[in-house]
C-alpha atoms as a PDB file:
ATOM      1  CA  UNK A   1     -27.915  43.404 -11.294  1.00  0.00           C
ATOM      2  CA  UNK A   2     -29.120  46.954 -11.894  1.00  0.00           C
ATOM      3  CA  UNK A   3     -25.824  47.989 -13.474  1.00  0.00           C
ATOM      4  CA  UNK A   4     -25.762  44.898 -15.700  1.00  0.00           C
ATOM      5  CA  UNK A   5     -29.128  45.719 -17.276  1.00  0.00           C
ATOM      6  CA  UNK A   6     -28.260  49.371 -17.759  1.00  0.00           C
ATOM      7  CA  UNK A   7     -24.948  48.395 -19.330  1.00  0.00           C
ATOM      8  CA  UNK A   8     -26.634  46.000 -21.771  1.00  0.00           C
ATOM      9  CA  UNK A   9     -28.987  48.696 -23.024  1.00  0.00           C
ATOM     10  CA  UNK A  10     -26.304  51.388 -23.086  1.00  0.00           C
ATOM     11  CA  UNK A  11     -23.873  49.269 -25.097  1.00  0.00           C
ATOM     12  CA  UNK A  12     -26.555  48.423 -27.622  1.00  0.00           C
ATOM     13  CA  UNK A  13     -27.577  52.042 -28.128  1.00  0.00           C
ATOM     14  CA  UNK A  14     -23.959  53.128 -28.594  1.00  0.00           C
ATOM     15  CA  UNK A  15     -23.276  50.345 -31.074  1.00  0.00           C
ATOM     16  CA  UNK A  16     -26.275  51.332 -33.205  1.00  0.00           C
ATOM     17  CA  UNK A  17     -25.436  54.997 -33.491  1.00  0.00           C
ATOM     18  CA  UNK A  18     -26.772  58.193 -31.992  1.00  0.00           C
ATOM     19  CA  UNK A  19     -30.240  57.944 -33.580  1.00  0.00           C
ATOM     20  CA  UNK A  20     -31.079  54.507 -32.218  1.00  0.00           C
ATOM     21  CA  UNK A  21     -32.523  55.246 -28.797  1.00  0.00           C
ATOM     22  CA  UNK A  22     -35.457  53.452 -27.203  1.00  0.00           C
ATOM     23  CA  UNK A  23     -37.626  55.568 -24.925  1.00  0.00           C
ATOM     24  CA  UNK A  24     -38.865  52.919 -22.515  1.00  0.00           C
ATOM     25  CA  UNK A  25     -42.465  53.056 -21.260  1.00  0.00           C
ATOM     26  CA  UNK A  26     -42.869  54.239 -17.691  1.00  0.00           C
ATOM     27  CA  UNK A  27     -44.541  52.189 -14.989  1.00  0.00           C
ATOM     28  CA  UNK A  28     -45.229  53.225 -11.398  1.00  0.00           C
ATOM     29  CA  UNK A  29     -44.260  49.874  -9.938  1.00  0.00           C
ATOM     30  CA  UNK A  30     -43.263  46.517 -11.332  1.00  0.00           C
ATOM     31  CA  UNK A  31     -43.374  43.269  -9.366  1.00  0.00           C
ATOM     32  CA  UNK A  32     -40.422  41.996 -11.412  1.00  0.00           C
ATOM     33  CA  UNK A  33     -37.136  43.840 -11.018  1.00  0.00           C
ATOM     34  CA  UNK A  34     -34.501  41.195 -11.761  1.00  0.00           C
ATOM     35  CA  UNK A  35     -34.214  38.605 -14.539  1.00  0.00           C
ATOM     36  CA  UNK A  36     -31.258  36.375 -15.327  1.00  0.00           C
ATOM     37  CA  UNK A  37     -30.227  34.544 -18.506  1.00  0.00           C
ATOM     38  CA  UNK A  38     -31.531  37.143 -20.941  1.00  0.00           C
ATOM     39  CA  UNK A  39     -31.187  38.330 -24.508  1.00  0.00           C
ATOM     40  CA  UNK A  40     -32.795  41.442 -25.936  1.00  0.00           C
ATOM     41  CA  UNK A  41     -34.768  42.754 -28.906  1.00  0.00           C
ATOM     42  CA  UNK A  42     -35.346  46.427 -29.683  1.00  0.00           C
ATOM     43  CA  UNK A  43     -38.296  48.040 -31.418  1.00  0.00           C
ATOM     44  CA  UNK A  44     -37.164  51.551 -32.325  1.00  0.00           C
ATOM     45  CA  UNK A  45     -39.240  54.603 -33.147  1.00  0.00           C
ATOM     46  CA  UNK A  46     -37.830  55.640 -36.522  1.00  0.00           C
ATOM     47  CA  UNK A  47     -39.345  58.527 -38.497  1.00  0.00           C
ATOM     48  CA  UNK A  48     -36.920  57.938 -41.356  1.00  0.00           C
ATOM     49  CA  UNK A  49     -38.378  54.471 -41.949  1.00  0.00           C
ATOM     50  CA  UNK A  50     -41.515  54.261 -44.098  1.00  0.00           C
ATOM     51  CA  UNK A  51     -43.157  52.050 -41.464  1.00  0.00           C
ATOM     52  CA  UNK A  52     -42.173  54.397 -38.634  1.00  0.00           C
ATOM     53  CA  UNK A  53     -40.255  51.768 -36.691  1.00  0.00           C
ATOM     54  CA  UNK A  54     -37.312  49.380 -36.849  1.00  0.00           C
ATOM     55  CA  UNK A  55     -37.024  45.988 -35.201  1.00  0.00           C
ATOM     56  CA  UNK A  56     -33.613  44.671 -34.211  1.00  0.00           C
ATOM     57  CA  UNK A  57     -33.670  41.071 -32.999  1.00  0.00           C
ATOM     58  CA  UNK A  58     -30.194  39.923 -34.024  1.00  0.00           C
ATOM     59  CA  UNK A  59     -29.088  39.431 -30.403  1.00  0.00           C
ATOM     60  CA  UNK A  60     -31.977  37.145 -29.431  1.00  0.00           C
ATOM     61  CA  UNK A  61     -31.173  33.607 -28.282  1.00  0.00           C
ATOM     62  CA  UNK A  62     -34.198  31.294 -28.332  1.00  0.00           C
ATOM     63  CA  UNK A  63     -33.285  29.417 -25.139  1.00  0.00           C
ATOM     64  CA  UNK A  64     -33.053  32.566 -22.982  1.00  0.00           C
ATOM     65  CA  UNK A  65     -35.566  34.890 -21.363  1.00  0.00           C
ATOM     66  CA  UNK A  66     -36.340  37.659 -23.844  1.00  0.00           C
ATOM     67  CA  UNK A  67     -36.329  41.332 -22.902  1.00  0.00           C
ATOM     68  CA  UNK A  68     -38.298  43.201 -25.549  1.00  0.00           C
ATOM     69  CA  UNK A  69     -37.549  46.917 -25.446  1.00  0.00           C
ATOM     70  CA  UNK A  70     -40.364  48.809 -27.177  1.00  0.00           C
ATOM     71  CA  UNK A  71     -40.290  52.565 -27.702  1.00  0.00           C
ATOM     72  CA  UNK A  72     -43.221  54.072 -25.816  1.00  0.00           C
ATOM     73  CA  UNK A  73     -44.104  56.404 -28.738  1.00  0.00           C
ATOM     74  CA  UNK A  74     -44.988  53.603 -31.146  1.00  0.00           C
ATOM     75  CA  UNK A  75     -48.639  52.820 -31.820  1.00  0.00           C
ATOM     76  CA  UNK A  76     -50.177  49.439 -31.091  1.00  0.00           C
ATOM     77  CA  UNK A  77     -50.853  49.022 -34.808  1.00  0.00           C
ATOM     78  CA  UNK A  78     -47.070  49.071 -35.253  1.00  0.00           C
ATOM     79  CA  UNK A  79     -46.263  46.992 -32.171  1.00  0.00           C
ATOM     80  CA  UNK A  80     -48.751  44.097 -32.142  1.00  0.00           C
ATOM     81  CA  UNK A  81     -47.607  42.494 -35.437  1.00  0.00           C
ATOM     82  CA  UNK A  82     -43.985  42.612 -34.281  1.00  0.00           C
ATOM     83  CA  UNK A  83     -44.844  40.974 -30.964  1.00  0.00           C
ATOM     84  CA  UNK A  84     -46.687  38.199 -32.815  1.00  0.00           C
ATOM     85  CA  UNK A  85     -43.675  37.758 -35.077  1.00  0.00           C
ATOM     86  CA  UNK A  86     -41.266  37.450 -32.148  1.00  0.00           C
ATOM     87  CA  UNK A  87     -43.491  35.004 -30.289  1.00  0.00           C
ATOM     88  CA  UNK A  88     -43.856  32.793 -33.363  1.00  0.00           C
ATOM     89  CA  UNK A  89     -40.115  32.949 -33.913  1.00  0.00           C
ATOM     90  CA  UNK A  90     -39.452  31.631 -30.426  1.00  0.00           C
ATOM     91  CA  UNK A  91     -42.204  29.018 -30.433  1.00  0.00           C
ATOM     92  CA  UNK A  92     -41.059  27.587 -33.769  1.00  0.00           C
ATOM     93  CA  UNK A  93     -37.361  27.530 -32.947  1.00  0.00           C
ATOM     94  CA  UNK A  94     -35.587  24.183 -33.123  1.00  0.00           C
ATOM     95  CA  UNK A  95     -33.835  25.028 -29.861  1.00  0.00           C
ATOM     96  CA  UNK A  96     -36.440  25.854 -27.245  1.00  0.00           C
ATOM     97  CA  UNK A  97     -36.444  26.246 -23.504  1.00  0.00           C
ATOM     98  CA  UNK A  98     -39.962  25.724 -22.163  1.00  0.00           C
ATOM     99  CA  UNK A  99     -39.058  27.676 -19.024  1.00  0.00           C
ATOM    100  CA  UNK A 100     -37.855  30.754 -20.904  1.00  0.00           C
ATOM    101  CA  UNK A 101     -40.235  33.713 -20.748  1.00  0.00           C
ATOM    102  CA  UNK A 102     -40.804  37.024 -22.525  1.00  0.00           C
ATOM    103  CA  UNK A 103     -40.814  40.418 -20.816  1.00  0.00           C
ATOM    104  CA  UNK A 104     -41.275  44.074 -21.695  1.00  0.00           C
ATOM    105  CA  UNK A 105     -38.599  46.354 -20.270  1.00  0.00           C
ATOM    106  CA  UNK A 106     -40.013  49.401 -18.485  1.00  0.00           C
ATOM    107  CA  UNK A 107     -38.749  52.384 -16.561  1.00  0.00           C
ATOM    108  CA  UNK A 108     -39.917  51.693 -12.996  1.00  0.00           C
ATOM    109  CA  UNK A 109     -40.556  55.130 -11.504  1.00  0.00           C
ATOM    110  CA  UNK A 110     -41.086  53.775  -7.996  1.00  0.00           C
ATOM    111  CA  UNK A 111     -37.747  51.994  -7.836  1.00  0.00           C
ATOM    112  CA  UNK A 112     -35.966  54.450 -10.151  1.00  0.00           C
ATOM    113  CA  UNK A 113     -34.646  51.424 -11.989  1.00  0.00           C
ATOM    114  CA  UNK A 114     -35.681  49.010 -14.703  1.00  0.00           C
ATOM    115  CA  UNK A 115     -38.837  46.944 -14.202  1.00  0.00           C
ATOM    116  CA  UNK A 116     -40.322  44.154 -16.282  1.00  0.00           C
ATOM    117  CA  UNK A 117     -43.785  43.037 -17.367  1.00  0.00           C
ATOM    118  CA  UNK A 118     -44.248  39.464 -18.550  1.00  0.00           C
ATOM    119  CA  UNK A 119     -46.162  38.762 -21.775  1.00  0.00           C
ATOM    120  CA  UNK A 120     -45.134  35.161 -22.466  1.00  0.00           C
ATOM    121  CA  UNK A 121     -48.655  33.761 -22.752  1.00  0.00           C
ATOM    122  CA  UNK A 122     -50.410  36.761 -24.290  1.00  0.00           C
ATOM    123  CA  UNK A 123     -52.033  36.062 -27.666  1.00  0.00           C
ATOM    124  CA  UNK A 124     -52.229  39.144 -29.880  1.00  0.00           C
ATOM    125  CA  UNK A 125     -55.023  39.635 -32.412  1.00  0.00           C
ATOM    126  CA  UNK A 126     -55.137  42.324 -35.074  1.00  0.00           C
ATOM    127  CA  UNK A 127     -58.926  42.456 -34.918  1.00  0.00           C
ATOM    128  CA  UNK A 128     -61.566  43.239 -32.305  1.00  0.00           C
ATOM    129  CA  UNK A 129     -62.737  40.632 -29.811  1.00  0.00           C
ATOM    130  CA  UNK A 130     -66.283  40.854 -31.220  1.00  0.00           C
ATOM    131  CA  UNK A 131     -65.034  40.030 -34.722  1.00  0.00           C
ATOM    132  CA  UNK A 132     -62.897  37.195 -33.446  1.00  0.00           C
ATOM    133  CA  UNK A 133     -65.539  35.654 -31.200  1.00  0.00           C
ATOM    134  CA  UNK A 134     -68.142  35.749 -33.961  1.00  0.00           C
ATOM    135  CA  UNK A 135     -65.933  33.350 -35.922  1.00  0.00           C
ATOM    136  CA  UNK A 136     -65.222  30.960 -33.054  1.00  0.00           C
ATOM    137  CA  UNK A 137     -68.060  28.602 -32.157  1.00  0.00           C
ATOM    138  CA  UNK A 138     -66.906  28.085 -28.572  1.00  0.00           C
ATOM    139  CA  UNK A 139     -67.699  31.728 -27.815  1.00  0.00           C
ATOM    140  CA  UNK A 140     -71.181  31.808 -29.333  1.00  0.00           C
ATOM    141  CA  UNK A 141     -72.993  30.845 -26.133  1.00  0.00           C
ATOM    142  CA  UNK A 142     -70.375  32.035 -23.690  1.00  0.00           C
ATOM    143  CA  UNK A 143     -71.658  33.998 -20.724  1.00  0.00           C
ATOM    144  CA  UNK A 144     -70.029  36.474 -18.408  1.00  0.00           C
ATOM    145  CA  UNK A 145     -67.558  37.790 -20.955  1.00  0.00           C
ATOM    146  CA  UNK A 146     -66.773  41.438 -20.410  1.00  0.00           C
ATOM    147  CA  UNK A 147     -64.930  43.125 -23.281  1.00  0.00           C
ATOM    148  CA  UNK A 148     -63.170  46.336 -22.266  1.00  0.00           C
ATOM    149  CA  UNK A 149     -62.368  48.808 -25.023  1.00  0.00           C
ATOM    150  CA  UNK A 150     -59.574  51.284 -24.390  1.00  0.00           C
ATOM    151  CA  UNK A 151     -60.466  54.125 -26.699  1.00  0.00           C
ATOM    152  CA  UNK A 152     -58.766  57.341 -27.711  1.00  0.00           C
ATOM    153  CA  UNK A 153     -58.783  60.453 -25.517  1.00  0.00           C
ATOM    154  CA  UNK A 154     -58.851  58.389 -22.314  1.00  0.00           C
ATOM    155  CA  UNK A 155     -62.361  56.987 -22.777  1.00  0.00           C
ATOM    156  CA  UNK A 156     -62.961  53.381 -21.724  1.00  0.00           C
ATOM    157  CA  UNK A 157     -66.088  51.327 -22.408  1.00  0.00           C
ATOM    158  CA  UNK A 158     -67.022  48.080 -20.649  1.00  0.00           C
ATOM    159  CA  UNK A 159     -69.692  45.708 -21.902  1.00  0.00           C
ATOM    160  CA  UNK A 160     -71.399  44.143 -18.899  1.00  0.00           C
ATOM    161  CA  UNK A 161     -74.262  41.780 -19.840  1.00  0.00           C
ATOM    162  CA  UNK A 162     -75.373  41.658 -16.218  1.00  0.00           C
ATOM    163  CA  UNK A 163     -76.011  45.335 -15.724  1.00  0.00           C
ATOM    164  CA  UNK A 164     -78.088  48.278 -16.822  1.00  0.00           C
ATOM    165  CA  UNK A 165     -76.841  50.153 -18.779  1.00  0.00           C
ATOM    166  CA  UNK A 166     -75.370  47.392 -20.910  1.00  0.00           C
ATOM    167  CA  UNK A 167     -72.313  49.507 -21.806  1.00  0.00           C
ATOM    168  CA  UNK A 168     -70.526  51.312 -18.994  1.00  0.00           C
ATOM    169  CA  UNK A 169     -68.486  54.356 -19.948  1.00  0.00           C
ATOM    170  CA  UNK A 170     -65.571  55.160 -17.679  1.00  0.00           C
ATOM    171  CA  UNK A 171     -62.044  56.566 -17.673  1.00  0.00           C
ATOM    172  CA  UNK A 172     -58.628  55.750 -16.281  1.00  0.00           C
ATOM    173  CA  UNK A 173     -59.358  57.288 -12.882  1.00  0.00           C
ATOM    174  CA  UNK A 174     -62.615  55.372 -12.385  1.00  0.00           C
ATOM    175  CA  UNK A 175     -61.771  52.109 -14.171  1.00  0.00           C
ATOM    176  CA  UNK A 176     -60.685  50.026 -11.191  1.00  0.00           C
ATOM    177  CA  UNK A 177     -63.630  51.171  -9.050  1.00  0.00           C
ATOM    178  CA  UNK A 178     -66.060  50.257 -11.826  1.00  0.00           C
ATOM    179  CA  UNK A 179     -64.455  46.848 -12.281  1.00  0.00           C
ATOM    180  CA  UNK A 180     -64.603  46.135  -8.563  1.00  0.00           C
ATOM    181  CA  UNK A 181     -68.366  46.762  -8.686  1.00  0.00           C
ATOM    182  CA  UNK A 182     -68.544  43.926 -11.230  1.00  0.00           C
ATOM    183  CA  UNK A 183     -66.350  41.644  -9.156  1.00  0.00           C
ATOM    184  CA  UNK A 184     -69.306  39.701  -7.769  1.00  0.00           C
ATOM    185  CA  UNK A 185     -69.539  36.764 -10.176  1.00  0.00           C
ATOM    186  CA  UNK A 186     -66.961  34.858 -12.193  1.00  0.00           C
ATOM    187  CA  UNK A 187     -66.324  36.756 -15.394  1.00  0.00           C
ATOM    188  CA  UNK A 188     -63.551  37.122 -17.926  1.00  0.00           C
ATOM    189  CA  UNK A 189     -62.207  40.482 -19.090  1.00  0.00           C
ATOM    190  CA  UNK A 190     -61.150  40.815 -22.716  1.00  0.00           C
ATOM    191  CA  UNK A 191     -59.001  43.793 -23.653  1.00  0.00           C
ATOM    192  CA  UNK A 192     -59.664  45.711 -26.870  1.00  0.00           C
ATOM    193  CA  UNK A 193     -57.192  48.463 -27.674  1.00  0.00           C
ATOM    194  CA  UNK A 194     -57.596  51.197 -30.248  1.00  0.00           C
ATOM    195  CA  UNK A 195     -54.779  50.662 -32.726  1.00  0.00           C
ATOM    196  CA  UNK A 196     -53.765  54.328 -32.474  1.00  0.00           C
ATOM    197  CA  UNK A 197     -52.998  54.123 -28.755  1.00  0.00           C
ATOM    198  CA  UNK A 198     -49.315  54.380 -27.891  1.00  0.00           C
ATOM    199  CA  UNK A 199     -47.341  51.610 -26.277  1.00  0.00           C
ATOM    200  CA  UNK A 200     -47.036  53.840 -23.198  1.00  0.00           C
ATOM    201  CA  UNK A 201     -50.831  53.973 -22.905  1.00  0.00           C
ATOM    202  CA  UNK A 202     -50.980  50.204 -23.347  1.00  0.00           C
ATOM    203  CA  UNK A 203     -48.500  49.597 -20.508  1.00  0.00           C
ATOM    204  CA  UNK A 204     -50.299  52.084 -18.264  1.00  0.00           C
ATOM    205  CA  UNK A 205     -53.690  50.406 -18.692  1.00  0.00           C
ATOM    206  CA  UNK A 206     -52.302  46.899 -18.385  1.00  0.00           C
ATOM    207  CA  UNK A 207     -50.339  47.627 -15.214  1.00  0.00           C
ATOM    208  CA  UNK A 208     -53.394  49.235 -13.581  1.00  0.00           C
ATOM    209  CA  UNK A 209     -55.623  46.211 -14.120  1.00  0.00           C
ATOM    210  CA  UNK A 210     -53.010  43.527 -13.494  1.00  0.00           C
ATOM    211  CA  UNK A 211     -52.065  44.871 -10.080  1.00  0.00           C
ATOM    212  CA  UNK A 212     -55.712  44.972  -8.936  1.00  0.00           C
ATOM    213  CA  UNK A 213     -56.788  42.232  -6.567  1.00  0.00           C
ATOM    214  CA  UNK A 214     -60.002  40.834  -8.066  1.00  0.00           C
ATOM    215  CA  UNK A 215     -61.780  37.875  -6.475  1.00  0.00           C
ATOM    216  CA  UNK A 216     -63.969  36.753  -9.364  1.00  0.00           C
ATOM    217  CA  UNK A 217     -62.817  38.681 -12.424  1.00  0.00           C
ATOM    218  CA  UNK A 218     -60.260  36.925 -14.570  1.00  0.00           C
ATOM    219  CA  UNK A 219     -58.173  38.479 -17.325  1.00  0.00           C
ATOM    220  CA  UNK A 220     -58.010  36.734 -20.670  1.00  0.00           C
ATOM    221  CA  UNK A 221     -54.578  36.158 -22.199  1.00  0.00           C
ATOM    222  CA  UNK A 222     -56.012  37.190 -25.587  1.00  0.00           C
ATOM    223  CA  UNK A 223     -55.741  40.853 -26.556  1.00  0.00           C
ATOM    224  CA  UNK A 224     -57.336  42.607 -29.505  1.00  0.00           C
ATOM    225  CA  UNK A 225     -56.974  45.670 -31.724  1.00  0.00           C
ATOM    226  CA  UNK A 226     -59.718  47.741 -33.342  1.00  0.00           C
ATOM    227  CA  UNK A 227     -59.688  50.798 -35.577  1.00  0.00           C
END
């Protein structure tokens, strides 16, 4: 299986020329190492393009599991709209497979092989969670929502209505410990990402939180950008 995935990516890169190379994001460990019945899309880092990227989706088949290969150097401002586009494309296809899922392809450092992170049900917003929730009546009186903002330079801020101070400032090394201190009542975490963060930073933060074993904290499937 390992050789099949490597061959798929290698053949695609060769067919697109020497400049079309995806630098996959690195992950320490992925729970998913094998996927069958796949087709792939590629989001290239491309300085020659005015938008700084190029999306190739010509090999995607709507009824298969999708492997989305995103260059780790791209910013989330570049990536989020393309992910929304791909998801809408699949959801609105005339030929759908309800069991087919979407995955990011990563370089699994622990296994020294490819690893995968599922994002099938993630809903991407090109605005902050505060802006979005202010427009949605169902959130107006919601309690125990904890927005987490992943800022530039490694700073992370957590809004915790049940604590003093109201805003907790932390960093990547302390994030999980701070979240575990909040893991006493049922709450929902909402991720806000600075639009200038790279896709590598996005994968790093996501993998850290997703692999943590929380008892009461839940992670929303809605993710937000802010500038």
